[in-house]
Amino acid sequence: GGGPLTGFAVAGADKKFVWAQARIEGDKVVVWSDQVAQPTAVRYAWADNPENAALYNKAGLPASTFQTDAL
């Protein structure tokens, strides 16, 4: 752990996803992009980018891919 989190993308109301930055704060992942002022959706390891996945739990198990629009 402790490395950069990759494989995240965010979108605004237009639903156009762009690559995003992410970091762990406590038990949450904070995701953002300077290109999206008010994110409404997040994707992780989605579509053609699962090889960029870098999110693991304390036991070393990888997080599964996901998309959510419940921010």
PDB file of N, CA and C in Angstrom:
ATOM      1  N   GLY A   1       0.810  -1.190   0.000  1.00  0.00           N
ATOM      2  CA  GLY A   1       0.000   0.000   0.000  1.00  0.00           C
ATOM      3  C   GLY A   1       0.848   1.246   0.000  1.00  0.00           C
ATOM      4  N   GLY A   2       0.194   2.355   0.021  1.00  0.00           N
ATOM      5  CA  GLY A   2       0.865   3.627   0.087  1.00  0.00           C
ATOM      6  C   GLY A   2       1.234   4.231  -1.247  1.00  0.00           C
ATOM      7  N   GLY A   3       1.153   3.461  -2.320  1.00  0.00           N
ATOM      8  CA  GLY A   3       1.484   3.987  -3.636  1.00  0.00           C
ATOM      9  C   GLY A   3       0.324   4.770  -4.207  1.00  0.00           C
ATOM     10  N   PRO A   4       0.543   5.366  -5.363  1.00  0.00           N
ATOM     11  CA  PRO A   4      -0.537   6.126  -5.990  1.00  0.00           C
ATOM     12  C   PRO A   4      -1.675   5.203  -6.424  1.00  0.00           C
ATOM     13  N   LEU A   5      -2.890   5.716  -6.323  1.00  0.00           N
ATOM     14  CA  LEU A   5      -4.055   4.962  -6.785  1.00  0.00           C
ATOM     15  C   LEU A   5      -4.314   5.337  -8.231  1.00  0.00           C
ATOM     16  N   THR A   6      -4.413   4.348  -9.077  1.00  0.00           N
ATOM     17  CA  THR A   6      -4.658   4.583 -10.496  1.00  0.00           C
ATOM     18  C   THR A   6      -5.895   3.817 -10.923  1.00  0.00           C
ATOM     19  N   GLY A   7      -6.358   4.089 -12.132  1.00  0.00           N
ATOM     20  CA  GLY A   7      -7.496   3.365 -12.677  1.00  0.00           C
ATOM     21  C   GLY A   7      -8.833   4.027 -12.402  1.00  0.00           C
ATOM     22  N   PHE A   8      -8.839   5.244 -11.841  1.00  0.00           N
ATOM     23  CA  PHE A   8     -10.083   5.946 -11.536  1.00  0.00           C
ATOM     24  C   PHE A   8     -10.401   6.969 -12.616  1.00  0.00           C
ATOM     25  N   ALA A   9     -11.697   7.155 -12.875  1.00  0.00           N
ATOM     26  CA  ALA A   9     -12.182   8.187 -13.789  1.00  0.00           C
ATOM     27  C   ALA A   9     -13.428   8.808 -13.176  1.00  0.00           C
ATOM     28  N   VAL A  10     -13.658  10.085 -13.461  1.00  0.00           N
ATOM     29  CA  VAL A  10     -14.849  10.770 -12.974  1.00  0.00           C
ATOM     30  C   VAL A  10     -15.546  11.452 -14.138  1.00  0.00           C
ATOM     31  N   ALA A  11     -16.835  11.727 -13.946  1.00  0.00           N
ATOM     32  CA  ALA A  11     -17.628  12.456 -14.938  1.00  0.00           C
ATOM     33  C   ALA A  11     -18.532  13.436 -14.216  1.00  0.00           C
ATOM     34  N   GLY A  12     -18.881  14.492 -14.925  1.00  0.00           N
ATOM     35  CA  GLY A  12     -19.862  15.441 -14.423  1.00  0.00           C
ATOM     36  C   GLY A  12     -21.230  15.093 -14.983  1.00  0.00           C
ATOM     37  N   ALA A  13     -22.119  16.068 -14.961  1.00  0.00           N
ATOM     38  CA  ALA A  13     -23.481  15.855 -15.446  1.00  0.00           C
ATOM     39  C   ALA A  13     -23.519  15.447 -16.913  1.00  0.00           C
ATOM     40  N   ASP A  14     -22.472  15.796 -17.671  1.00  0.00           N
ATOM     41  CA  ASP A  14     -22.431  15.442 -19.094  1.00  0.00           C
ATOM     42  C   ASP A  14     -22.081  13.972 -19.333  1.00  0.00           C
ATOM     43  N   LYS A  15     -21.706  13.250 -18.279  1.00  0.00           N
ATOM     44  CA  LYS A  15     -21.357  11.816 -18.330  1.00  0.00           C
ATOM     45  C   LYS A  15     -20.139  11.531 -19.207  1.00  0.00           C
ATOM     46  N   LYS A  16     -19.279  12.519 -19.418  1.00  0.00           N
ATOM     47  CA  LYS A  16     -18.029  12.314 -20.152  1.00  0.00           C
ATOM     48  C   LYS A  16     -16.924  12.049 -19.137  1.00  0.00           C
ATOM     49  N   PHE A  17     -16.434  10.828 -19.125  1.00  0.00           N
ATOM     50  CA  PHE A  17     -15.440  10.424 -18.137  1.00  0.00           C
ATOM     51  C   PHE A  17     -14.044  10.877 -18.531  1.00  0.00           C
ATOM     52  N   VAL A  18     -13.287  11.327 -17.529  1.00  0.00           N
ATOM     53  CA  VAL A  18     -11.882  11.705 -17.692  1.00  0.00           C
ATOM     54  C   VAL A  18     -11.091  11.012 -16.589  1.00  0.00           C
ATOM     55  N   TRP A  19      -9.802  10.791 -16.844  1.00  0.00           N
ATOM     56  CA  TRP A  19      -8.956  10.183 -15.823  1.00  0.00           C
ATOM     57  C   TRP A  19      -8.916  11.078 -14.598  1.00  0.00           C
ATOM     58  N   ALA A  20      -8.809  10.452 -13.450  1.00  0.00           N
ATOM     59  CA  ALA A  20      -8.853  11.182 -12.191  1.00  0.00           C
ATOM     60  C   ALA A  20      -7.704  10.780 -11.280  1.00  0.00           C
ATOM     61  N   GLN A  21      -7.456  11.617 -10.305  1.00  0.00           N
ATOM     62  CA  GLN A  21      -6.507  11.312  -9.243  1.00  0.00           C
ATOM     63  C   GLN A  21      -7.293  10.733  -8.080  1.00  0.00           C
ATOM     64  N   ALA A  22      -6.616   9.959  -7.240  1.00  0.00           N
ATOM     65  CA  ALA A  22      -7.294   9.363  -6.089  1.00  0.00           C
ATOM     66  C   ALA A  22      -6.302   9.168  -4.955  1.00  0.00           C
ATOM     67  N   ARG A  23      -6.822   9.245  -3.737  1.00  0.00           N
ATOM     68  CA  ARG A  23      -6.005   8.966  -2.560  1.00  0.00           C
ATOM     69  C   ARG A  23      -6.898   8.373  -1.480  1.00  0.00           C
ATOM     70  N   ILE A  24      -6.286   7.669  -0.562  1.00  0.00           N
ATOM     71  CA  ILE A  24      -7.017   7.091   0.562  1.00  0.00           C
ATOM     72  C   ILE A  24      -6.967   8.066   1.723  1.00  0.00           C
ATOM     73  N   GLU A  25      -8.133   8.348   2.299  1.00  0.00           N
ATOM     74  CA  GLU A  25      -8.252   9.162   3.506  1.00  0.00           C
ATOM     75  C   GLU A  25      -9.049   8.347   4.512  1.00  0.00           C
ATOM     76  N   GLY A  26      -8.362   7.806   5.504  1.00  0.00           N
ATOM     77  CA  GLY A  26      -9.035   6.946   6.476  1.00  0.00           C
ATOM     78  C   GLY A  26      -9.526   5.688   5.798  1.00  0.00           C
ATOM     79  N   ASP A  27     -10.840   5.460   5.842  1.00  0.00           N
ATOM     80  CA  ASP A  27     -11.420   4.273   5.210  1.00  0.00           C
ATOM     81  C   ASP A  27     -12.149   4.618   3.913  1.00  0.00           C
ATOM     82  N   LYS A  28     -11.830   5.778   3.327  1.00  0.00           N
ATOM     83  CA  LYS A  28     -12.483   6.217   2.093  1.00  0.00           C
ATOM     84  C   LYS A  28     -11.456   6.495   1.010  1.00  0.00           C
ATOM     85  N   VAL A  29     -11.897   6.385  -0.225  1.00  0.00           N
ATOM     86  CA  VAL A  29     -11.085   6.780  -1.371  1.00  0.00           C
ATOM     87  C   VAL A  29     -11.649   8.100  -1.881  1.00  0.00           C
ATOM     88  N   VAL A  30     -10.810   9.116  -1.938  1.00  0.00           N
ATOM     89  CA  VAL A  30     -11.203  10.430  -2.443  1.00  0.00           C
ATOM     90  C   VAL A  30     -10.712  10.527  -3.882  1.00  0.00           C
ATOM     91  N   VAL A  31     -11.636  10.828  -4.794  1.00  0.00           N
ATOM     92  CA  VAL A  31     -11.337  10.859  -6.228  1.00  0.00           C
ATOM     93  C   VAL A  31     -11.691  12.239  -6.766  1.00  0.00           C
ATOM     94  N   TRP A  32     -10.808  12.801  -7.625  1.00  0.00           N
ATOM     95  CA  TRP A  32     -11.064  14.118  -8.185  1.00  0.00           C
ATOM     96  C   TRP A  32     -10.318  14.309  -9.500  1.00  0.00           C
ATOM     97  N   SER A  33     -10.768  15.314 -10.233  1.00  0.00           N
ATOM     98  CA  SER A  33     -10.085  15.736 -11.458  1.00  0.00           C
ATOM     99  C   SER A  33     -10.268  17.237 -11.598  1.00  0.00           C
ATOM    100  N   ASP A  34      -9.214  17.938 -11.962  1.00  0.00           N
ATOM    101  CA  ASP A  34      -9.308  19.375 -12.202  1.00  0.00           C
ATOM    102  C   ASP A  34     -10.200  19.679 -13.405  1.00  0.00           C
ATOM    103  N   GLN A  35     -10.481  18.670 -14.228  1.00  0.00           N
ATOM    104  CA  GLN A  35     -11.310  18.855 -15.422  1.00  0.00           C
ATOM    105  C   GLN A  35     -12.802  18.756 -15.129  1.00  0.00           C
ATOM    106  N   VAL A  36     -13.166  18.283 -13.927  1.00  0.00           N
ATOM    107  CA  VAL A  36     -14.578  18.094 -13.576  1.00  0.00           C
ATOM    108  C   VAL A  36     -14.841  18.807 -12.251  1.00  0.00           C
ATOM    109  N   ALA A  37     -15.520  19.952 -12.325  1.00  0.00           N
ATOM    110  CA  ALA A  37     -15.751  20.768 -11.128  1.00  0.00           C
ATOM    111  C   ALA A  37     -16.672  20.078 -10.126  1.00  0.00           C
ATOM    112  N   GLN A  38     -17.719  19.420 -10.612  1.00  0.00           N
ATOM    113  CA  GLN A  38     -18.674  18.750  -9.735  1.00  0.00           C
ATOM    114  C   GLN A  38     -18.911  17.328 -10.235  1.00  0.00           C
ATOM    115  N   PRO A  39     -18.085  16.389  -9.806  1.00  0.00           N
ATOM    116  CA  PRO A  39     -18.254  15.003 -10.252  1.00  0.00           C
ATOM    117  C   PRO A  39     -19.611  14.432  -9.833  1.00  0.00           C
ATOM    118  N   THR A  40     -20.202  13.675 -10.738  1.00  0.00           N
ATOM    119  CA  THR A  40     -21.463  12.998 -10.438  1.00  0.00           C
ATOM    120  C   THR A  40     -21.347  11.487 -10.582  1.00  0.00           C
ATOM    121  N   ALA A  41     -20.220  11.009 -11.113  1.00  0.00           N
ATOM    122  CA  ALA A  41     -20.039   9.570 -11.314  1.00  0.00           C
ATOM    123  C   ALA A  41     -18.556   9.223 -11.229  1.00  0.00           C
ATOM    124  N   VAL A  42     -18.283   8.012 -10.746  1.00  0.00           N
ATOM    125  CA  VAL A  42     -16.913   7.512 -10.627  1.00  0.00           C
ATOM    126  C   VAL A  42     -16.853   6.112 -11.209  1.00  0.00           C
ATOM    127  N   ARG A  43     -15.763   5.816 -11.894  1.00  0.00           N
ATOM    128  CA  ARG A  43     -15.478   4.457 -12.374  1.00  0.00           C
ATOM    129  C   ARG A  43     -14.112   4.045 -11.851  1.00  0.00           C
ATOM    130  N   TYR A  44     -13.976   2.752 -11.606  1.00  0.00           N
ATOM    131  CA  TYR A  44     -12.680   2.211 -11.196  1.00  0.00           C
ATOM    132  C   TYR A  44     -12.384   0.959 -12.007  1.00  0.00           C
ATOM    133  N   ALA A  45     -11.213   0.916 -12.627  1.00  0.00           N
ATOM    134  CA  ALA A  45     -10.763  -0.241 -13.413  1.00  0.00           C
ATOM    135  C   ALA A  45     -11.827  -0.657 -14.424  1.00  0.00           C
ATOM    136  N   TRP A  46     -12.416   0.307 -15.081  1.00  0.00           N
ATOM    137  CA  TRP A  46     -13.553   0.095 -15.973  1.00  0.00           C
ATOM    138  C   TRP A  46     -13.094  -0.077 -17.411  1.00  0.00           C
ATOM    139  N   ALA A  47     -13.833  -0.816 -18.184  1.00  0.00           N
ATOM    140  CA  ALA A  47     -13.621  -0.986 -19.631  1.00  0.00           C
ATOM    141  C   ALA A  47     -12.210  -1.470 -19.938  1.00  0.00           C
ATOM    142  N   ASP A  48     -11.428  -0.661 -20.648  1.00  0.00           N
ATOM    143  CA  ASP A  48     -10.110  -1.089 -21.111  1.00  0.00           C
ATOM    144  C   ASP A  48      -8.975  -0.764 -20.145  1.00  0.00           C
ATOM    145  N   ASN A  49      -9.287  -0.363 -18.904  1.00  0.00           N
ATOM    146  CA  ASN A  49      -8.194   0.048 -18.030  1.00  0.00           C
ATOM    147  C   ASN A  49      -7.996  -0.790 -16.770  1.00  0.00           C
ATOM    148  N   PRO A  50      -8.440  -2.048 -16.690  1.00  0.00           N
ATOM    149  CA  PRO A  50      -8.210  -2.780 -15.440  1.00  0.00           C
ATOM    150  C   PRO A  50      -6.739  -3.016 -15.129  1.00  0.00           C
ATOM    151  N   GLU A  51      -5.867  -2.971 -16.128  1.00  0.00           N
ATOM    152  CA  GLU A  51      -4.451  -3.186 -15.844  1.00  0.00           C
ATOM    153  C   GLU A  51      -3.875  -2.053 -14.999  1.00  0.00           C
ATOM    154  N   ASN A  52      -4.573  -0.923 -14.915  1.00  0.00           N
ATOM    155  CA  ASN A  52      -4.125   0.192 -14.085  1.00  0.00           C
ATOM    156  C   ASN A  52      -4.640   0.099 -12.656  1.00  0.00           C
ATOM    157  N   ALA A  53      -5.366  -0.930 -12.344  1.00  0.00           N
ATOM    158  CA  ALA A  53      -5.960  -1.069 -11.017  1.00  0.00           C
ATOM    159  C   ALA A  53      -4.879  -1.195  -9.954  1.00  0.00           C
ATOM    160  N   ALA A  54      -5.031  -0.438  -8.879  1.00  0.00           N
ATOM    161  CA  ALA A  54      -4.017  -0.448  -7.821  1.00  0.00           C
ATOM    162  C   ALA A  54      -4.640  -0.302  -6.438  1.00  0.00           C
ATOM    163  N   LEU A  55      -5.899  -0.712  -6.280  1.00  0.00           N
ATOM    164  CA  LEU A  55      -6.588  -0.574  -4.999  1.00  0.00           C
ATOM    165  C   LEU A  55      -6.744  -1.948  -4.362  1.00  0.00           C
ATOM    166  N   TYR A  56      -6.165  -2.105  -3.179  1.00  0.00           N
ATOM    167  CA  TYR A  56      -6.198  -3.374  -2.449  1.00  0.00           C
ATOM    168  C   TYR A  56      -6.639  -3.121  -1.020  1.00  0.00           C
ATOM    169  N   ASN A  57      -7.256  -4.128  -0.398  1.00  0.00           N
ATOM    170  CA  ASN A  57      -7.619  -3.985   1.005  1.00  0.00           C
ATOM    171  C   ASN A  57      -6.442  -4.385   1.889  1.00  0.00           C
ATOM    172  N   LYS A  58      -6.630  -4.328   3.211  1.00  0.00           N
ATOM    173  CA  LYS A  58      -5.545  -4.637   4.149  1.00  0.00           C
ATOM    174  C   LYS A  58      -5.049  -6.067   4.026  1.00  0.00           C
ATOM    175  N   ALA A  59      -5.902  -6.964   3.538  1.00  0.00           N
ATOM    176  CA  ALA A  59      -5.519  -8.369   3.367  1.00  0.00           C
ATOM    177  C   ALA A  59      -4.795  -8.598   2.036  1.00  0.00           C
ATOM    178  N   GLY A  60      -4.653  -7.544   1.231  1.00  0.00           N
ATOM    179  CA  GLY A  60      -3.966  -7.670  -0.046  1.00  0.00           C
ATOM    180  C   GLY A  60      -4.853  -8.100  -1.193  1.00  0.00           C
ATOM    181  N   LEU A  61      -6.161  -8.113  -0.978  1.00  0.00           N
ATOM    182  CA  LEU A  61      -7.090  -8.508  -2.040  1.00  0.00           C
ATOM    183  C   LEU A  61      -7.469  -7.292  -2.883  1.00  0.00           C
ATOM    184  N   PRO A  62      -7.509  -7.444  -4.210  1.00  0.00           N
ATOM    185  CA  PRO A  62      -7.833  -6.301  -5.070  1.00  0.00           C
ATOM    186  C   PRO A  62      -9.317  -5.953  -5.034  1.00  0.00           C
ATOM    187  N   ALA A  63      -9.605  -4.666  -5.190  1.00  0.00           N
ATOM    188  CA  ALA A  63     -10.995  -4.222  -5.315  1.00  0.00           C
ATOM    189  C   ALA A  63     -11.504  -4.616  -6.693  1.00  0.00           C
ATOM    190  N   SER A  64     -12.780  -4.916  -6.775  1.00  0.00           N
ATOM    191  CA  SER A  64     -13.360  -5.244  -8.077  1.00  0.00           C
ATOM    192  C   SER A  64     -13.666  -3.957  -8.836  1.00  0.00           C
ATOM    193  N   THR A  65     -13.844  -4.088 -10.134  1.00  0.00           N
ATOM    194  CA  THR A  65     -14.197  -2.927 -10.944  1.00  0.00           C
ATOM    195  C   THR A  65     -15.577  -2.431 -10.531  1.00  0.00           C
ATOM    196  N   PHE A  66     -15.816  -1.131 -10.687  1.00  0.00           N
ATOM    197  CA  PHE A  66     -17.137  -0.599 -10.375  1.00  0.00           C
ATOM    198  C   PHE A  66     -17.374   0.721 -11.077  1.00  0.00           C
ATOM    199  N   GLN A  67     -18.655   1.057 -11.159  1.00  0.00           N
ATOM    200  CA  GLN A  67     -19.097   2.376 -11.598  1.00  0.00           C
ATOM    201  C   GLN A  67     -20.223   2.783 -10.675  1.00  0.00           C
ATOM    202  N   THR A  68     -20.236   4.034 -10.258  1.00  0.00           N
ATOM    203  CA  THR A  68     -21.317   4.524  -9.428  1.00  0.00           C
ATOM    204  C   THR A  68     -21.689   5.937  -9.832  1.00  0.00           C
ATOM    205  N   ASP A  69     -22.949   6.265  -9.691  1.00  0.00           N
ATOM    206  CA  ASP A  69     -23.381   7.646  -9.879  1.00  0.00           C
ATOM    207  C   ASP A  69     -24.113   8.124  -8.631  1.00  0.00           C
ATOM    208  N   ALA A  70     -23.851   7.446  -7.513  1.00  0.00           N
ATOM    209  CA  ALA A  70     -24.445   7.811  -6.225  1.00  0.00           C
ATOM    210  C   ALA A  70     -23.382   8.486  -5.365  1.00  0.00           C
ATOM    211  N   LEU A  71     -23.058   9.725  -5.712  1.00  0.00           N
ATOM    212  CA  LEU A  71     -22.019  10.427  -4.957  1.00  0.00           C
ATOM    213  C   LEU A  71     -22.647  11.233  -3.881  1.00  0.00           C
TER     214      LEU A  71
END
